[in-house]
Amino acid sequence: MGFFAKLFGLNKESNAKVREAIRAEINISECIDAHMKWKGRLQSYVEGTSKEQLDPMVICRDDQCVLGKWIHGPALQYFHEDEGFFKLRSDHANFHFVAGSVVMKVQANDLAASDALLKNEYARASRDVIQDLTELNKHLHHEE
């Protein structure tokens, strides 16, 4: 089965109702944008040009942002058995863990390590979340 296939393999009428309900709960495009903006925020922090006080213990929590609150709450009613959803949850948790790690390295004055994390693990984690969200968004806006 494909990504999010268990949910969107339902009959046409059920599909439309589920899509509508999910779209009313969360704007996936806004979640993609919010996660994309983290790269700039972290880059500024690594470069020392950020005016933000970032707390790695908050950033590393994947249940604090809009997407995280949704995937740990309301989304479970739709996706509780879907492998694609669990990939999104895992990728999202990793994204926040790595973002928090970048901040921790900066705060420990290990700028080389923070820069390497940002360019490697963070870039992969970010790409994974954005790909997952893009796939979900395609399903949510695909009208049969």
C-alpha atoms as a PDB file:
ATOM      1  CA  MET A   1       0.000   0.000   0.000  1.00  0.00           C
ATOM      2  CA  GLY A   2       1.112   3.535  -0.694  1.00  0.00           C
ATOM      3  CA  PHE A   3       1.636   6.451   1.600  1.00  0.00           C
ATOM      4  CA  PHE A   4      -1.561   7.180   3.579  1.00  0.00           C
ATOM      5  CA  ALA A   5      -3.248   4.477   1.491  1.00  0.00           C
ATOM      6  CA  LYS A   6      -5.251   2.903   4.308  1.00  0.00           C
ATOM      7  CA  LEU A   7      -7.109   6.112   4.968  1.00  0.00           C
ATOM      8  CA  PHE A   8      -7.510   7.255   1.404  1.00  0.00           C
ATOM      9  CA  GLY A   9      -8.387   3.803   0.129  1.00  0.00           C
ATOM     10  CA  LEU A  10     -11.895   4.280   1.510  1.00  0.00           C
ATOM     11  CA  ASN A  11     -14.905   4.749  -0.717  1.00  0.00           C
ATOM     12  CA  LYS A  12     -15.328   8.027  -2.587  1.00  0.00           C
ATOM     13  CA  GLU A  13     -17.905   9.536  -0.197  1.00  0.00           C
ATOM     14  CA  SER A  14     -15.871   8.648   2.902  1.00  0.00           C
ATOM     15  CA  ASN A  15     -12.738  10.028   1.256  1.00  0.00           C
ATOM     16  CA  ALA A  16     -14.350  13.406   0.656  1.00  0.00           C
ATOM     17  CA  LYS A  17     -15.620  13.662   4.244  1.00  0.00           C
ATOM     18  CA  VAL A  18     -12.278  12.681   5.743  1.00  0.00           C
ATOM     19  CA  ARG A  19     -10.367  15.098   3.517  1.00  0.00           C
ATOM     20  CA  GLU A  20     -12.741  17.912   4.435  1.00  0.00           C
ATOM     21  CA  ALA A  21     -12.450  17.173   8.155  1.00  0.00           C
ATOM     22  CA  ILE A  22      -8.641  17.092   8.045  1.00  0.00           C
ATOM     23  CA  ARG A  23      -8.440  20.293   6.000  1.00  0.00           C
ATOM     24  CA  ALA A  24     -10.665  21.975   8.607  1.00  0.00           C
ATOM     25  CA  GLU A  25      -8.292  20.893  11.383  1.00  0.00           C
ATOM     26  CA  ILE A  26      -4.919  21.754   9.896  1.00  0.00           C
ATOM     27  CA  ASN A  27      -3.376  23.642   7.007  1.00  0.00           C
ATOM     28  CA  ILE A  28      -0.586  21.388   5.764  1.00  0.00           C
ATOM     29  CA  SER A  29       0.854  24.092   3.472  1.00  0.00           C
ATOM     30  CA  GLU A  30       1.312  26.369   6.495  1.00  0.00           C
ATOM     31  CA  CYS A  31       3.012  23.520   8.356  1.00  0.00           C
ATOM     32  CA  ILE A  32       5.396  23.022   5.437  1.00  0.00           C
ATOM     33  CA  ASP A  33       6.198  26.756   5.442  1.00  0.00           C
ATOM     34  CA  ALA A  34       6.745  26.798   9.213  1.00  0.00           C
ATOM     35  CA  HIS A  35       9.153  23.880   9.038  1.00  0.00           C
ATOM     36  CA  MET A  36      10.991  25.411   6.083  1.00  0.00           C
ATOM     37  CA  LYS A  37      11.500  28.635   8.051  1.00  0.00           C
ATOM     38  CA  TRP A  38      13.381  26.762  10.742  1.00  0.00           C
ATOM     39  CA  LYS A  39      16.410  26.487   8.473  1.00  0.00           C
ATOM     40  CA  GLY A  40      16.797  30.272   8.359  1.00  0.00           C
ATOM     41  CA  ARG A  41      16.204  30.568  12.077  1.00  0.00           C
ATOM     42  CA  LEU A  42      18.818  27.945  12.850  1.00  0.00           C
ATOM     43  CA  GLN A  43      21.289  29.327  10.305  1.00  0.00           C
ATOM     44  CA  SER A  44      21.036  32.763  11.938  1.00  0.00           C
ATOM     45  CA  TYR A  45      21.512  31.171  15.340  1.00  0.00           C
ATOM     46  CA  VAL A  46      24.616  29.267  14.185  1.00  0.00           C
ATOM     47  CA  GLU A  47      26.021  32.452  12.606  1.00  0.00           C
ATOM     48  CA  GLY A  48      25.346  34.436  15.784  1.00  0.00           C
ATOM     49  CA  THR A  49      23.043  36.912  14.054  1.00  0.00           C
ATOM     50  CA  SER A  50      19.787  35.707  15.589  1.00  0.00           C
ATOM     51  CA  LYS A  51      18.012  37.871  18.129  1.00  0.00           C
ATOM     52  CA  GLU A  52      15.999  34.860  19.319  1.00  0.00           C
ATOM     53  CA  GLN A  53      16.584  33.057  22.575  1.00  0.00           C
ATOM     54  CA  LEU A  54      16.146  29.449  21.491  1.00  0.00           C
ATOM     55  CA  ASP A  55      15.615  26.724  24.067  1.00  0.00           C
ATOM     56  CA  PRO A  56      16.785  23.323  22.834  1.00  0.00           C
ATOM     57  CA  MET A  57      14.619  21.565  25.417  1.00  0.00           C
ATOM     58  CA  VAL A  58      11.516  23.113  23.854  1.00  0.00           C
ATOM     59  CA  ILE A  59      12.669  22.805  20.255  1.00  0.00           C
ATOM     60  CA  CYS A  60      13.428  19.091  20.608  1.00  0.00           C
ATOM     61  CA  ARG A  61       9.812  18.391  21.575  1.00  0.00           C
ATOM     62  CA  ASP A  62       7.808  17.377  18.523  1.00  0.00           C
ATOM     63  CA  ASP A  63       4.460  17.988  20.198  1.00  0.00           C
ATOM     64  CA  GLN A  64       4.739  21.770  20.636  1.00  0.00           C
ATOM     65  CA  CYS A  65       4.264  23.114  17.103  1.00  0.00           C
ATOM     66  CA  VAL A  66       0.946  23.179  15.245  1.00  0.00           C
ATOM     67  CA  LEU A  67       1.809  20.050  13.275  1.00  0.00           C
ATOM     68  CA  GLY A  68       3.050  18.203  16.339  1.00  0.00           C
ATOM     69  CA  LYS A  69      -0.086  18.971  18.309  1.00  0.00           C
ATOM     70  CA  TRP A  70      -2.161  17.676  15.414  1.00  0.00           C
ATOM     71  CA  ILE A  71      -0.190  14.464  14.799  1.00  0.00           C
ATOM     72  CA  HIS A  72      -0.173  13.624  18.501  1.00  0.00           C
ATOM     73  CA  GLY A  73      -3.877  14.404  18.857  1.00  0.00           C
ATOM     74  CA  PRO A  74      -6.676  14.680  16.290  1.00  0.00           C
ATOM     75  CA  ALA A  75      -4.753  12.998  13.454  1.00  0.00           C
ATOM     76  CA  LEU A  76      -4.690   9.723  15.347  1.00  0.00           C
ATOM     77  CA  GLN A  77      -8.412   9.223  14.703  1.00  0.00           C
ATOM     78  CA  TYR A  78      -7.726   9.093  10.968  1.00  0.00           C
ATOM     79  CA  PHE A  79      -4.278   7.566  10.707  1.00  0.00           C
ATOM     80  CA  HIS A  80      -3.951   5.240  13.701  1.00  0.00           C
ATOM     81  CA  GLU A  81      -3.023   2.282  11.467  1.00  0.00           C
ATOM     82  CA  ASP A  82      -1.304   4.032   8.558  1.00  0.00           C
ATOM     83  CA  GLU A  83       2.399   3.391   7.944  1.00  0.00           C
ATOM     84  CA  GLY A  84       2.780   6.707   6.112  1.00  0.00           C
ATOM     85  CA  PHE A  85       1.455   8.554   9.126  1.00  0.00           C
ATOM     86  CA  PHE A  86       3.894   6.799  11.437  1.00  0.00           C
ATOM     87  CA  LYS A  87       6.700   7.714   9.062  1.00  0.00           C
ATOM     88  CA  LEU A  88       5.582  11.349   9.276  1.00  0.00           C
ATOM     89  CA  ARG A  89       5.481  11.160  13.087  1.00  0.00           C
ATOM     90  CA  SER A  90       8.926   9.600  13.219  1.00  0.00           C
ATOM     91  CA  ASP A  91      10.414  12.028  10.707  1.00  0.00           C
ATOM     92  CA  HIS A  92       8.838  14.977  12.527  1.00  0.00           C
ATOM     93  CA  ALA A  93      10.238  13.813  15.878  1.00  0.00           C
ATOM     94  CA  ASN A  94      13.681  13.445  14.300  1.00  0.00           C
ATOM     95  CA  PHE A  95      13.418  16.935  12.773  1.00  0.00           C
ATOM     96  CA  HIS A  96      12.801  18.473  16.196  1.00  0.00           C
ATOM     97  CA  PHE A  97      15.493  16.369  17.865  1.00  0.00           C
ATOM     98  CA  VAL A  98      18.111  17.463  15.328  1.00  0.00           C
ATOM     99  CA  ALA A  99      16.983  21.117  15.420  1.00  0.00           C
ATOM    100  CA  GLY A 100      17.322  21.050  19.217  1.00  0.00           C
ATOM    101  CA  SER A 101      20.749  19.445  18.862  1.00  0.00           C
ATOM    102  CA  VAL A 102      21.898  22.254  16.558  1.00  0.00           C
ATOM    103  CA  VAL A 103      20.916  24.796  19.210  1.00  0.00           C
ATOM    104  CA  MET A 104      22.611  22.780  21.964  1.00  0.00           C
ATOM    105  CA  LYS A 105      25.856  22.681  19.963  1.00  0.00           C
ATOM    106  CA  VAL A 106      25.736  26.465  19.450  1.00  0.00           C
ATOM    107  CA  GLN A 107      25.134  27.014  23.154  1.00  0.00           C
ATOM    108  CA  ALA A 108      28.110  24.761  23.916  1.00  0.00           C
ATOM    109  CA  ASN A 109      30.216  26.914  21.540  1.00  0.00           C
ATOM    110  CA  ASP A 110      30.755  23.940  19.239  1.00  0.00           C
ATOM    111  CA  LEU A 111      30.079  25.913  16.072  1.00  0.00           C
ATOM    112  CA  ALA A 112      31.745  23.426  13.751  1.00  0.00           C
ATOM    113  CA  ALA A 113      29.484  20.641  15.013  1.00  0.00           C
ATOM    114  CA  SER A 114      26.382  22.820  14.862  1.00  0.00           C
ATOM    115  CA  ASP A 115      27.175  23.840  11.291  1.00  0.00           C
ATOM    116  CA  ALA A 116      27.805  20.206  10.301  1.00  0.00           C
ATOM    117  CA  LEU A 117      24.500  19.124  11.904  1.00  0.00           C
ATOM    118  CA  LEU A 118      22.647  21.904  10.120  1.00  0.00           C
ATOM    119  CA  LYS A 119      24.108  21.019   6.727  1.00  0.00           C
ATOM    120  CA  ASN A 120      23.748  17.256   7.048  1.00  0.00           C
ATOM    121  CA  GLU A 121      21.365  15.632   9.531  1.00  0.00           C
ATOM    122  CA  TYR A 122      19.111  18.671   9.786  1.00  0.00           C
ATOM    123  CA  ALA A 123      18.907  19.062   6.001  1.00  0.00           C
ATOM    124  CA  ARG A 124      17.895  15.383   5.683  1.00  0.00           C
ATOM    125  CA  ALA A 125      15.386  15.595   8.537  1.00  0.00           C
ATOM    126  CA  SER A 126      13.824  18.725   7.091  1.00  0.00           C
ATOM    127  CA  ARG A 127      13.594  17.213   3.622  1.00  0.00           C
ATOM    128  CA  ASP A 128      11.931  14.074   5.016  1.00  0.00           C
ATOM    129  CA  VAL A 129       9.244  16.037   6.882  1.00  0.00           C
ATOM    130  CA  ILE A 130       8.556  18.275   3.899  1.00  0.00           C
ATOM    131  CA  GLN A 131       8.276  15.263   1.577  1.00  0.00           C
ATOM    132  CA  ASP A 132       5.885  13.524   3.977  1.00  0.00           C
ATOM    133  CA  LEU A 133       3.745  16.645   4.321  1.00  0.00           C
ATOM    134  CA  THR A 134       3.746  17.243   0.580  1.00  0.00           C
ATOM    135  CA  GLU A 135       2.510  13.699   0.018  1.00  0.00           C
ATOM    136  CA  LEU A 136      -0.227  14.103   2.619  1.00  0.00           C
ATOM    137  CA  ASN A 137      -1.215  17.445   1.119  1.00  0.00           C
ATOM    138  CA  LYS A 138      -1.552  15.844  -2.326  1.00  0.00           C
ATOM    139  CA  HIS A 139      -3.960  13.293  -0.899  1.00  0.00           C
ATOM    140  CA  LEU A 140      -5.933  15.966   0.948  1.00  0.00           C
ATOM    141  CA  HIS A 141      -6.439  18.062  -2.178  1.00  0.00           C
ATOM    142  CA  HIS A 142      -6.953  15.212  -4.651  1.00  0.00           C
ATOM    143  CA  GLU A 143     -10.610  15.131  -5.525  1.00  0.00           C
ATOM    144  CA  GLU A 144     -11.811  11.884  -7.046  1.00  0.00           C
END
